[in-house]
């Protein structure tokens, strides 16, 4: 067991961290009713995906920067998603006085 803690951080360690982030994001996405909480869970999903790109790039082709470039694009898309999502939620909060997604059924009937 002590060899595990003394070994260098490898691909498997990073994949465990990324899988944990992804699992927390899925759990938050499925259990949250608050719109801001759902948006944060989606951000965790995107961050774990971005981490995977960087990890696989580091261990597959360390001299290339493809993983980092893809990660920067994911971060840019995530930032745009947060801006649009928060604008929608602020507008809905002004009209509905709640950020609970179960009460947001404007298109029904």
Protein backbone atom coordinates (compact mmCIF):
# COMPACT_ATOMS: atom_id res chain seq x y z
CA UNK A 1 0.00 0.00 0.00
CA UNK A 2 2.86 2.39 0.69
CA UNK A 3 4.18 1.88 -2.86
CA UNK A 4 0.93 3.35 -4.18
CA UNK A 5 1.56 6.66 -2.43
CA UNK A 6 5.23 6.80 -3.40
CA UNK A 7 4.70 6.08 -7.09
CA UNK A 8 4.58 8.98 -9.57
CA UNK A 9 1.21 10.22 -10.69
CA UNK A 10 0.32 8.33 -13.85
CA UNK A 11 -2.49 8.12 -16.34
CA UNK A 12 -4.68 5.97 -14.10
CA UNK A 13 -4.56 8.47 -11.25
CA UNK A 14 -5.66 11.31 -13.49
CA UNK A 15 -8.42 9.19 -15.00
CA UNK A 16 -9.74 8.42 -11.52
CA UNK A 17 -9.84 12.15 -10.74
CA UNK A 18 -11.57 12.90 -14.04
CA UNK A 19 -14.09 10.10 -13.52
CA UNK A 20 -14.83 11.38 -10.02
CA UNK A 21 -15.45 14.89 -11.40
CA UNK A 22 -17.69 13.49 -14.12
CA UNK A 23 -19.63 11.36 -11.61
CA UNK A 24 -20.17 14.32 -9.29
CA UNK A 25 -21.39 16.36 -12.27
CA UNK A 26 -23.85 13.64 -13.35
CA UNK A 27 -25.12 13.30 -9.77
CA UNK A 28 -25.61 17.06 -9.52
CA UNK A 29 -27.33 17.17 -12.89
CA UNK A 30 -29.81 14.47 -11.89
CA UNK A 31 -30.55 15.60 -8.33
CA UNK A 32 -30.51 19.41 -8.38
CA UNK A 33 -33.70 21.39 -8.88
CA UNK A 34 -32.01 24.75 -8.64
CA UNK A 35 -31.04 26.16 -12.04
CA UNK A 36 -27.72 27.50 -10.79
CA UNK A 37 -26.86 24.10 -9.29
CA UNK A 38 -27.62 22.41 -12.60
CA UNK A 39 -25.41 24.91 -14.40
CA UNK A 40 -22.58 24.18 -11.96
CA UNK A 41 -23.01 20.44 -12.53
CA UNK A 42 -22.73 20.94 -16.28
CA UNK A 43 -19.55 22.93 -15.66
CA UNK A 44 -18.12 19.97 -13.74
CA UNK A 45 -18.93 17.71 -16.69
CA UNK A 46 -17.17 20.05 -19.09
CA UNK A 47 -14.16 20.42 -16.80
CA UNK A 48 -13.74 16.65 -16.51
CA UNK A 49 -13.89 16.36 -20.29
CA UNK A 50 -11.30 19.11 -20.63
CA UNK A 51 -9.09 17.34 -18.10
CA UNK A 52 -9.33 14.13 -20.16
CA UNK A 53 -8.12 15.93 -23.29
CA UNK A 54 -5.11 17.34 -21.45
CA UNK A 55 -4.32 13.99 -19.78
CA UNK A 56 -4.43 11.94 -22.95
CA UNK A 57 -2.40 14.55 -24.79
CA UNK A 58 0.28 14.50 -22.09
CA UNK A 59 0.63 10.73 -22.05
CA UNK A 60 0.06 10.00 -25.76
CA UNK A 61 1.95 12.79 -27.52
CA UNK A 62 3.74 15.06 -25.02
CA UNK A 63 5.24 17.29 -27.71
CA UNK A 64 1.88 18.14 -29.34
CA UNK A 65 -0.49 20.76 -27.96
CA UNK A 66 -3.74 19.41 -29.42
CA UNK A 67 -5.19 18.51 -26.02
CA UNK A 68 -4.47 21.93 -24.57
CA UNK A 69 -6.02 23.68 -27.56
CA UNK A 70 -9.15 21.55 -27.29
CA UNK A 71 -9.27 22.27 -23.57
CA UNK A 72 -9.14 26.02 -24.25
CA UNK A 73 -12.04 25.69 -26.68
CA UNK A 74 -14.04 23.75 -24.08
CA UNK A 75 -13.36 26.45 -21.50
CA UNK A 76 -14.49 29.15 -23.97
CA UNK A 77 -17.71 27.26 -24.74
CA UNK A 78 -18.32 26.73 -21.02
CA UNK A 79 -17.89 30.45 -20.35
CA UNK A 80 -20.37 31.32 -23.10
CA UNK A 81 -22.78 28.73 -21.73
CA UNK A 82 -22.59 30.26 -18.26
CA UNK A 83 -23.25 33.76 -19.57
CA UNK A 84 -26.27 32.71 -21.63
CA UNK A 85 -27.61 30.39 -18.94
CA UNK A 86 -27.34 32.97 -16.18
CA UNK A 87 -29.01 35.61 -18.37
CA UNK A 88 -31.92 33.24 -18.99
CA UNK A 89 -32.18 32.33 -15.30
CA UNK A 90 -32.08 35.97 -14.17
CA UNK A 91 -34.88 36.82 -16.60
CA UNK A 92 -36.96 33.86 -15.47
CA UNK A 93 -36.32 34.78 -11.83
CA UNK A 94 -37.61 38.30 -12.45
CA UNK A 95 -40.85 36.89 -13.87
CA UNK A 96 -41.36 33.77 -11.73
CA UNK A 97 -39.56 34.76 -8.49
CA UNK A 98 -37.92 31.31 -8.32
CA UNK A 99 -34.98 29.45 -9.85
CA UNK A 100 -36.58 26.03 -9.32
CA UNK A 101 -36.56 24.29 -12.70
CA UNK A 102 -39.71 22.26 -11.95
CA UNK A 103 -41.76 25.47 -11.96
CA UNK A 104 -40.38 26.61 -15.31
CA UNK A 105 -42.94 25.21 -17.71
CA UNK A 106 -43.59 28.25 -19.88
CA UNK A 107 -44.03 26.28 -23.11
CA UNK A 108 -46.63 23.86 -21.76
CA UNK A 109 -50.20 24.37 -23.03
